[in-house]
Amino acid sequence: MPTYDYRAQEPEGAPDCCREGFEIVQLMSEAPLEKCPTCGRIVVKIIGAPGVITRMTKSKLSDKNLKAAGFKKLVKEGDGKYRNVLA
């Protein structure tokens, strides 16, 4: 379920529970809150940036991309020894 942010419509003099804002989990089909569930003050919904999830693909971790970005890729050879395969 998505989370929504709310804060007091008039933050000056509002209690801590809604002065700085709070987050609540709601169904998308639910109506927006009109009052703080703790103190009953009138609240407004805060519009924020959406969360973005990116996926790391194998192509981004290819030897060519790692070398271009200046990373090292070490492969264990045994007996505690590693070899840099991008050098």
PDB file of N, CA and C in Angstrom:
ATOM      1  N   MET A   1       0.836  -1.183   0.000  1.00  0.00           N
ATOM      2  CA  MET A   1       0.000   0.000   0.000  1.00  0.00           C
ATOM      3  C   MET A   1       0.881   1.247   0.000  1.00  0.00           C
ATOM      4  N   PRO A   2       0.432   2.291  -0.655  1.00  0.00           N
ATOM      5  CA  PRO A   2       1.232   3.520  -0.681  1.00  0.00           C
ATOM      6  C   PRO A   2       1.151   4.284   0.635  1.00  0.00           C
ATOM      7  N   THR A   3       2.162   5.111   0.857  1.00  0.00           N
ATOM      8  CA  THR A   3       2.167   5.982   2.031  1.00  0.00           C
ATOM      9  C   THR A   3       1.938   7.412   1.578  1.00  0.00           C
ATOM     10  N   TYR A   4       1.282   8.180   2.412  1.00  0.00           N
ATOM     11  CA  TYR A   4       0.984   9.571   2.115  1.00  0.00           C
ATOM     12  C   TYR A   4       1.451  10.437   3.269  1.00  0.00           C
ATOM     13  N   ASP A   5       1.907  11.647   2.932  1.00  0.00           N
ATOM     14  CA  ASP A   5       2.382  12.588   3.943  1.00  0.00           C
ATOM     15  C   ASP A   5       1.339  13.668   4.156  1.00  0.00           C
ATOM     16  N   TYR A   6       1.136  14.015   5.422  1.00  0.00           N
ATOM     17  CA  TYR A   6       0.206  15.067   5.815  1.00  0.00           C
ATOM     18  C   TYR A   6       0.901  15.967   6.826  1.00  0.00           C
ATOM     19  N   ARG A   7       0.387  17.199   6.956  1.00  0.00           N
ATOM     20  CA  ARG A   7       0.847  18.094   8.022  1.00  0.00           C
ATOM     21  C   ARG A   7      -0.311  19.015   8.371  1.00  0.00           C
ATOM     22  N   ALA A   8      -0.180  19.700   9.499  1.00  0.00           N
ATOM     23  CA  ALA A   8      -1.230  20.611   9.944  1.00  0.00           C
ATOM     24  C   ALA A   8      -1.407  21.734   8.936  1.00  0.00           C
ATOM     25  N   GLN A   9      -2.659  22.102   8.682  1.00  0.00           N
ATOM     26  CA  GLN A   9      -2.937  23.185   7.748  1.00  0.00           C
ATOM     27  C   GLN A   9      -2.325  24.490   8.258  1.00  0.00           C
ATOM     28  N   GLU A  10      -2.356  24.680   9.553  1.00  0.00           N
ATOM     29  CA  GLU A  10      -1.735  25.847  10.188  1.00  0.00           C
ATOM     30  C   GLU A  10      -0.687  25.336  11.175  1.00  0.00           C
ATOM     31  N   PRO A  11       0.568  25.158  10.725  1.00  0.00           N
ATOM     32  CA  PRO A  11       1.603  24.566  11.568  1.00  0.00           C
ATOM     33  C   PRO A  11       1.943  25.385  12.818  1.00  0.00           C
ATOM     34  N   GLU A  12       1.779  26.722  12.744  1.00  0.00           N
ATOM     35  CA  GLU A  12       2.093  27.542  13.906  1.00  0.00           C
ATOM     36  C   GLU A  12       1.143  27.191  15.047  1.00  0.00           C
ATOM     37  N   GLY A  13       1.699  26.790  16.156  1.00  0.00           N
ATOM     38  CA  GLY A  13       0.913  26.439  17.324  1.00  0.00           C
ATOM     39  C   GLY A  13       0.363  25.023  17.316  1.00  0.00           C
ATOM     40  N   ALA A  14       0.605  24.277  16.270  1.00  0.00           N
ATOM     41  CA  ALA A  14       0.128  22.886  16.210  1.00  0.00           C
ATOM     42  C   ALA A  14       1.022  22.003  17.076  1.00  0.00           C
ATOM     43  N   PRO A  15       0.481  20.930  17.621  1.00  0.00           N
ATOM     44  CA  PRO A  15       1.305  20.013  18.414  1.00  0.00           C
ATOM     45  C   PRO A  15       2.305  19.265  17.531  1.00  0.00           C
ATOM     46  N   ASP A  16       3.283  18.642  18.163  1.00  0.00           N
ATOM     47  CA  ASP A  16       4.340  17.927  17.442  1.00  0.00           C
ATOM     48  C   ASP A  16       3.810  16.857  16.496  1.00  0.00           C
ATOM     49  N   CYS A  17       2.681  16.251  16.827  1.00  0.00           N
ATOM     50  CA  CYS A  17       2.181  15.131  16.029  1.00  0.00           C
ATOM     51  C   CYS A  17       1.875  15.516  14.588  1.00  0.00           C
ATOM     52  N   CYS A  18       1.574  16.787  14.322  1.00  0.00           N
ATOM     53  CA  CYS A  18       1.251  17.151  12.941  1.00  0.00           C
ATOM     54  C   CYS A  18       1.914  18.458  12.482  1.00  0.00           C
ATOM     55  N   ARG A  19       2.674  19.115  13.333  1.00  0.00           N
ATOM     56  CA  ARG A  19       3.353  20.356  12.939  1.00  0.00           C
ATOM     57  C   ARG A  19       4.378  20.106  11.842  1.00  0.00           C
ATOM     58  N   GLU A  20       5.246  19.139  12.042  1.00  0.00           N
ATOM     59  CA  GLU A  20       6.293  18.812  11.072  1.00  0.00           C
ATOM     60  C   GLU A  20       5.798  17.841  10.001  1.00  0.00           C
ATOM     61  N   GLY A  21       4.672  17.243  10.226  1.00  0.00           N
ATOM     62  CA  GLY A  21       4.109  16.300   9.273  1.00  0.00           C
ATOM     63  C   GLY A  21       4.215  14.866   9.754  1.00  0.00           C
ATOM     64  N   PHE A  22       3.413  14.020   9.161  1.00  0.00           N
ATOM     65  CA  PHE A  22       3.435  12.598   9.494  1.00  0.00           C
ATOM     66  C   PHE A  22       3.101  11.801   8.247  1.00  0.00           C
ATOM     67  N   GLU A  23       3.411  10.527   8.297  1.00  0.00           N
ATOM     68  CA  GLU A  23       3.204   9.625   7.170  1.00  0.00           C
ATOM     69  C   GLU A  23       2.174   8.582   7.578  1.00  0.00           C
ATOM     70  N   ILE A  24       1.294   8.245   6.661  1.00  0.00           N
ATOM     71  CA  ILE A  24       0.269   7.241   6.955  1.00  0.00           C
ATOM     72  C   ILE A  24       0.095   6.325   5.744  1.00  0.00           C
ATOM     73  N   VAL A  25      -0.162   5.062   6.011  1.00  0.00           N
ATOM     74  CA  VAL A  25      -0.396   4.078   4.949  1.00  0.00           C
ATOM     75  C   VAL A  25      -1.897   4.061   4.664  1.00  0.00           C
ATOM     76  N   GLN A  26      -2.249   4.263   3.391  1.00  0.00           N
ATOM     77  CA  GLN A  26      -3.650   4.267   2.999  1.00  0.00           C
ATOM     78  C   GLN A  26      -3.815   3.552   1.659  1.00  0.00           C
ATOM     79  N   LEU A  27      -4.985   3.020   1.438  1.00  0.00           N
ATOM     80  CA  LEU A  27      -5.325   2.499   0.116  1.00  0.00           C
ATOM     81  C   LEU A  27      -5.502   3.677  -0.824  1.00  0.00           C
ATOM     82  N   MET A  28      -5.213   3.471  -2.097  1.00  0.00           N
ATOM     83  CA  MET A  28      -5.392   4.545  -3.077  1.00  0.00           C
ATOM     84  C   MET A  28      -6.863   4.932  -3.202  1.00  0.00           C
ATOM     85  N   SER A  29      -7.746   3.999  -2.911  1.00  0.00           N
ATOM     86  CA  SER A  29      -9.178   4.260  -3.031  1.00  0.00           C
ATOM     87  C   SER A  29      -9.749   5.030  -1.831  1.00  0.00           C
ATOM     88  N   GLU A  30      -8.974   5.148  -0.740  1.00  0.00           N
ATOM     89  CA  GLU A  30      -9.448   5.867   0.439  1.00  0.00           C
ATOM     90  C   GLU A  30      -9.404   7.368   0.216  1.00  0.00           C
ATOM     91  N   ALA A  31     -10.329   8.060   0.837  1.00  0.00           N
ATOM     92  CA  ALA A  31     -10.347   9.523   0.765  1.00  0.00           C
ATOM     93  C   ALA A  31      -9.177  10.077   1.585  1.00  0.00           C
ATOM     94  N   PRO A  32      -8.626  11.226   1.181  1.00  0.00           N
ATOM     95  CA  PRO A  32      -7.542  11.825   1.958  1.00  0.00           C
ATOM     96  C   PRO A  32      -8.020  12.186   3.368  1.00  0.00           C
ATOM     97  N   LEU A  33      -7.078  12.144   4.307  1.00  0.00           N
ATOM     98  CA  LEU A  33      -7.418  12.536   5.678  1.00  0.00           C
ATOM     99  C   LEU A  33      -7.802  14.006   5.720  1.00  0.00           C
ATOM    100  N   GLU A  34      -8.714  14.344   6.599  1.00  0.00           N
ATOM    101  CA  GLU A  34      -9.085  15.739   6.805  1.00  0.00           C
ATOM    102  C   GLU A  34      -8.603  16.221   8.161  1.00  0.00           C
ATOM    103  N   LYS A  35      -8.452  15.296   9.104  1.00  0.00           N
ATOM    104  CA  LYS A  35      -8.032  15.653  10.459  1.00  0.00           C
ATOM    105  C   LYS A  35      -6.905  14.736  10.913  1.00  0.00           C
ATOM    106  N   CYS A  36      -6.039  15.264  11.769  1.00  0.00           N
ATOM    107  CA  CYS A  36      -4.949  14.484  12.357  1.00  0.00           C
ATOM    108  C   CYS A  36      -5.548  13.381  13.213  1.00  0.00           C
ATOM    109  N   PRO A  37      -5.112  12.134  13.029  1.00  0.00           N
ATOM    110  CA  PRO A  37      -5.671  11.041  13.827  1.00  0.00           C
ATOM    111  C   PRO A  37      -5.308  11.131  15.312  1.00  0.00           C
ATOM    112  N   THR A  38      -4.306  11.934  15.654  1.00  0.00           N
ATOM    113  CA  THR A  38      -3.888  12.043  17.053  1.00  0.00           C
ATOM    114  C   THR A  38      -4.568  13.197  17.780  1.00  0.00           C
ATOM    115  N   CYS A  39      -4.558  14.393  17.160  1.00  0.00           N
ATOM    116  CA  CYS A  39      -5.063  15.576  17.870  1.00  0.00           C
ATOM    117  C   CYS A  39      -6.341  16.165  17.278  1.00  0.00           C
ATOM    118  N   GLY A  40      -6.725  15.762  16.067  1.00  0.00           N
ATOM    119  CA  GLY A  40      -7.957  16.240  15.467  1.00  0.00           C
ATOM    120  C   GLY A  40      -7.856  17.552  14.699  1.00  0.00           C
ATOM    121  N   ARG A  41      -6.640  18.126  14.589  1.00  0.00           N
ATOM    122  CA  ARG A  41      -6.471  19.363  13.806  1.00  0.00           C
ATOM    123  C   ARG A  41      -6.675  19.091  12.324  1.00  0.00           C
ATOM    124  N   ILE A  42      -7.030  20.134  11.584  1.00  0.00           N
ATOM    125  CA  ILE A  42      -7.199  20.016  10.137  1.00  0.00           C
ATOM    126  C   ILE A  42      -5.821  19.827   9.509  1.00  0.00           C
ATOM    127  N   VAL A  43      -5.713  18.835   8.610  1.00  0.00           N
ATOM    128  CA  VAL A  43      -4.444  18.533   7.940  1.00  0.00           C
ATOM    129  C   VAL A  43      -4.607  18.652   6.425  1.00  0.00           C
ATOM    130  N   VAL A  44      -3.479  18.852   5.754  1.00  0.00           N
ATOM    131  CA  VAL A  44      -3.445  18.889   4.290  1.00  0.00           C
ATOM    132  C   VAL A  44      -2.460  17.836   3.809  1.00  0.00           C
ATOM    133  N   LYS A  45      -2.743  17.290   2.632  1.00  0.00           N
ATOM    134  CA  LYS A  45      -1.866  16.286   2.032  1.00  0.00           C
ATOM    135  C   LYS A  45      -0.678  17.001   1.400  1.00  0.00           C
ATOM    136  N   ILE A  46       0.504  16.477   1.621  1.00  0.00           N
ATOM    137  CA  ILE A  46       1.726  17.049   1.057  1.00  0.00           C
ATOM    138  C   ILE A  46       2.077  16.254  -0.193  1.00  0.00           C
ATOM    139  N   ILE A  47       2.243  16.957  -1.290  1.00  0.00           N
ATOM    140  CA  ILE A  47       2.627  16.300  -2.543  1.00  0.00           C
ATOM    141  C   ILE A  47       4.146  16.251  -2.587  1.00  0.00           C
ATOM    142  N   GLY A  48       4.705  15.059  -2.710  1.00  0.00           N
ATOM    143  CA  GLY A  48       6.153  14.895  -2.736  1.00  0.00           C
ATOM    144  C   GLY A  48       6.602  14.143  -3.975  1.00  0.00           C
ATOM    145  N   ALA A  49       7.886  13.996  -4.081  1.00  0.00           N
ATOM    146  CA  ALA A  49       8.460  13.259  -5.209  1.00  0.00           C
ATOM    147  C   ALA A  49       8.163  11.772  -5.044  1.00  0.00           C
ATOM    148  N   PRO A  50       7.861  11.077  -6.128  1.00  0.00           N
ATOM    149  CA  PRO A  50       7.597   9.645  -6.032  1.00  0.00           C
ATOM    150  C   PRO A  50       8.885   8.867  -5.798  1.00  0.00           C
ATOM    151  N   GLY A  51       8.763   7.741  -5.156  1.00  0.00           N
ATOM    152  CA  GLY A  51       9.913   6.861  -4.981  1.00  0.00           C
ATOM    153  C   GLY A  51      10.237   6.179  -6.297  1.00  0.00           C
ATOM    154  N   VAL A  52      11.493   6.122  -6.635  1.00  0.00           N
ATOM    155  CA  VAL A  52      11.907   5.514  -7.892  1.00  0.00           C
ATOM    156  C   VAL A  52      12.849   4.361  -7.584  1.00  0.00           C
ATOM    157  N   ILE A  53      12.557   3.231  -8.155  1.00  0.00           N
ATOM    158  CA  ILE A  53      13.400   2.052  -7.956  1.00  0.00           C
ATOM    159  C   ILE A  53      14.081   1.748  -9.277  1.00  0.00           C
ATOM    160  N   THR A  54      15.386   1.638  -9.229  1.00  0.00           N
ATOM    161  CA  THR A  54      16.116   1.270 -10.441  1.00  0.00           C
ATOM    162  C   THR A  54      16.706  -0.113 -10.236  1.00  0.00           C
ATOM    163  N   ARG A  55      16.901  -0.795 -11.306  1.00  0.00           N
ATOM    164  CA  ARG A  55      17.466  -2.146 -11.235  1.00  0.00           C
ATOM    165  C   ARG A  55      18.879  -2.127 -11.799  1.00  0.00           C
ATOM    166  N   MET A  56      19.767  -2.807 -11.123  1.00  0.00           N
ATOM    167  CA  MET A  56      21.139  -2.933 -11.596  1.00  0.00           C
ATOM    168  C   MET A  56      21.161  -4.095 -12.576  1.00  0.00           C
ATOM    169  N   THR A  57      21.560  -3.834 -13.776  1.00  0.00           N
ATOM    170  CA  THR A  57      21.593  -4.888 -14.775  1.00  0.00           C
ATOM    171  C   THR A  57      23.014  -5.397 -14.942  1.00  0.00           C
ATOM    172  N   LYS A  58      23.143  -6.581 -15.478  1.00  0.00           N
ATOM    173  CA  LYS A  58      24.460  -7.169 -15.678  1.00  0.00           C
ATOM    174  C   LYS A  58      25.306  -6.324 -16.617  1.00  0.00           C
ATOM    175  N   SER A  59      24.669  -5.671 -17.586  1.00  0.00           N
ATOM    176  CA  SER A  59      25.447  -4.874 -18.536  1.00  0.00           C
ATOM    177  C   SER A  59      26.138  -3.703 -17.841  1.00  0.00           C
ATOM    178  N   LYS A  60      25.522  -3.160 -16.788  1.00  0.00           N
ATOM    179  CA  LYS A  60      26.148  -2.058 -16.048  1.00  0.00           C
ATOM    180  C   LYS A  60      27.371  -2.534 -15.274  1.00  0.00           C
ATOM    181  N   LEU A  61      27.399  -3.818 -14.966  1.00  0.00           N
ATOM    182  CA  LEU A  61      28.519  -4.380 -14.230  1.00  0.00           C
ATOM    183  C   LEU A  61      29.480  -5.134 -15.138  1.00  0.00           C
ATOM    184  N   SER A  62      29.418  -4.865 -16.427  1.00  0.00           N
ATOM    185  CA  SER A  62      30.324  -5.538 -17.356  1.00  0.00           C
ATOM    186  C   SER A  62      31.756  -5.061 -17.118  1.00  0.00           C
ATOM    187  N   ASP A  63      32.712  -5.879 -17.531  1.00  0.00           N
ATOM    188  CA  ASP A  63      34.127  -5.521 -17.354  1.00  0.00           C
ATOM    189  C   ASP A  63      34.440  -4.188 -18.031  1.00  0.00           C
ATOM    190  N   LYS A  64      33.868  -3.959 -19.196  1.00  0.00           N
ATOM    191  CA  LYS A  64      34.119  -2.725 -19.948  1.00  0.00           C
ATOM    192  C   LYS A  64      33.645  -1.492 -19.156  1.00  0.00           C
ATOM    193  N   ASN A  65      32.433  -1.552 -18.613  1.00  0.00           N
ATOM    194  CA  ASN A  65      31.897  -0.424 -17.845  1.00  0.00           C
ATOM    195  C   ASN A  65      32.654  -0.212 -16.541  1.00  0.00           C
ATOM    196  N   LEU A  66      33.028  -1.297 -15.877  1.00  0.00           N
ATOM    197  CA  LEU A  66      33.784  -1.171 -14.630  1.00  0.00           C
ATOM    198  C   LEU A  66      35.135  -0.514 -14.881  1.00  0.00           C
ATOM    199  N   LYS A  67      35.805  -0.935 -15.938  1.00  0.00           N
ATOM    200  CA  LYS A  67      37.121  -0.373 -16.259  1.00  0.00           C
ATOM    201  C   LYS A  67      36.989   1.110 -16.632  1.00  0.00           C
ATOM    202  N   ALA A  68      35.980   1.460 -17.414  1.00  0.00           N
ATOM    203  CA  ALA A  68      35.765   2.850 -17.819  1.00  0.00           C
ATOM    204  C   ALA A  68      35.491   3.747 -16.613  1.00  0.00           C
ATOM    205  N   ALA A  69      34.868   3.196 -15.574  1.00  0.00           N
ATOM    206  CA  ALA A  69      34.562   3.969 -14.374  1.00  0.00           C
ATOM    207  C   ALA A  69      35.713   3.978 -13.373  1.00  0.00           C
ATOM    208  N   GLY A  70      36.799   3.255 -13.688  1.00  0.00           N
ATOM    209  CA  GLY A  70      37.970   3.263 -12.820  1.00  0.00           C
ATOM    210  C   GLY A  70      37.949   2.254 -11.687  1.00  0.00           C
ATOM    211  N   PHE A  71      37.076   1.266 -11.767  1.00  0.00           N
ATOM    212  CA  PHE A  71      37.010   0.251 -10.723  1.00  0.00           C
ATOM    213  C   PHE A  71      37.992  -0.883 -11.007  1.00  0.00           C
ATOM    214  N   LYS A  72      38.284  -1.643  -9.961  1.00  0.00           N
ATOM    215  CA  LYS A  72      39.074  -2.867 -10.093  1.00  0.00           C
ATOM    216  C   LYS A  72      38.142  -4.049  -9.937  1.00  0.00           C
ATOM    217  N   LYS A  73      38.433  -5.123 -10.637  1.00  0.00           N
ATOM    218  CA  LYS A  73      37.681  -6.361 -10.463  1.00  0.00           C
ATOM    219  C   LYS A  73      38.697  -7.434 -10.119  1.00  0.00           C
ATOM    220  N   LEU A  74      38.613  -7.914  -8.894  1.00  0.00           N
ATOM    221  CA  LEU A  74      39.562  -8.903  -8.409  1.00  0.00           C
ATOM    222  C   LEU A  74      38.934 -10.285  -8.438  1.00  0.00           C
ATOM    223  N   VAL A  75      39.695 -11.255  -8.901  1.00  0.00           N
ATOM    224  CA  VAL A  75      39.255 -12.639  -8.949  1.00  0.00           C
ATOM    225  C   VAL A  75      40.203 -13.448  -8.059  1.00  0.00           C
ATOM    226  N   LYS A  76      39.626 -14.248  -7.178  1.00  0.00           N
ATOM    227  CA  LYS A  76      40.429 -15.048  -6.257  1.00  0.00           C
ATOM    228  C   LYS A  76      41.104 -16.182  -7.014  1.00  0.00           C
ATOM    229  N   GLU A  77      42.429 -16.282  -6.840  1.00  0.00           N
ATOM    230  CA  GLU A  77      43.191 -17.346  -7.497  1.00  0.00           C
ATOM    231  C   GLU A  77      43.490 -18.490  -6.543  1.00  0.00           C
ATOM    232  N   GLY A  78      43.385 -18.274  -5.288  1.00  0.00           N
ATOM    233  CA  GLY A  78      43.669 -19.312  -4.304  1.00  0.00           C
ATOM    234  C   GLY A  78      44.800 -18.889  -3.385  1.00  0.00           C
ATOM    235  N   ASP A  79      44.917 -19.530  -2.249  1.00  0.00           N
ATOM    236  CA  ASP A  79      45.946 -19.243  -1.245  1.00  0.00           C
ATOM    237  C   ASP A  79      45.950 -17.776  -0.839  1.00  0.00           C
ATOM    238  N   GLY A  80      44.770 -17.135  -0.813  1.00  0.00           N
ATOM    239  CA  GLY A  80      44.666 -15.737  -0.391  1.00  0.00           C
ATOM    240  C   GLY A  80      45.164 -14.737  -1.420  1.00  0.00           C
ATOM    241  N   LYS A  81      45.353 -15.166  -2.651  1.00  0.00           N
ATOM    242  CA  LYS A  81      45.848 -14.275  -3.697  1.00  0.00           C
ATOM    243  C   LYS A  81      44.699 -13.904  -4.640  1.00  0.00           C
ATOM    244  N   TYR A  82      44.706 -12.645  -5.072  1.00  0.00           N
ATOM    245  CA  TYR A  82      43.698 -12.141  -6.001  1.00  0.00           C
ATOM    246  C   TYR A  82      44.389 -11.525  -7.209  1.00  0.00           C
ATOM    247  N   ARG A  83      43.723 -11.577  -8.351  1.00  0.00           N
ATOM    248  CA  ARG A  83      44.266 -11.037  -9.590  1.00  0.00           C
ATOM    249  C   ARG A  83      43.283 -10.007 -10.123  1.00  0.00           C
ATOM    250  N   ASN A  84      43.808  -8.827 -10.544  1.00  0.00           N
ATOM    251  CA  ASN A  84      42.985  -7.779 -11.135  1.00  0.00           C
ATOM    252  C   ASN A  84      42.759  -8.143 -12.597  1.00  0.00           C
ATOM    253  N   VAL A  85      41.513  -8.424 -12.988  1.00  0.00           N
ATOM    254  CA  VAL A  85      41.221  -8.857 -14.345  1.00  0.00           C
ATOM    255  C   VAL A  85      40.952  -7.675 -15.289  1.00  0.00           C
ATOM    256  N   LEU A  86      40.913  -6.463 -14.765  1.00  0.00           N
ATOM    257  CA  LEU A  86      40.652  -5.303 -15.607  1.00  0.00           C
ATOM    258  C   LEU A  86      41.908  -4.541 -15.945  1.00  0.00           C
ATOM    259  N   ALA A  87      43.035  -4.933 -15.424  1.00  0.00           N
ATOM    260  CA  ALA A  87      44.282  -4.194 -15.656  1.00  0.00           C
ATOM    261  C   ALA A  87      44.770  -4.334 -17.076  1.00  0.00           C
TER     262      ALA A  87
END
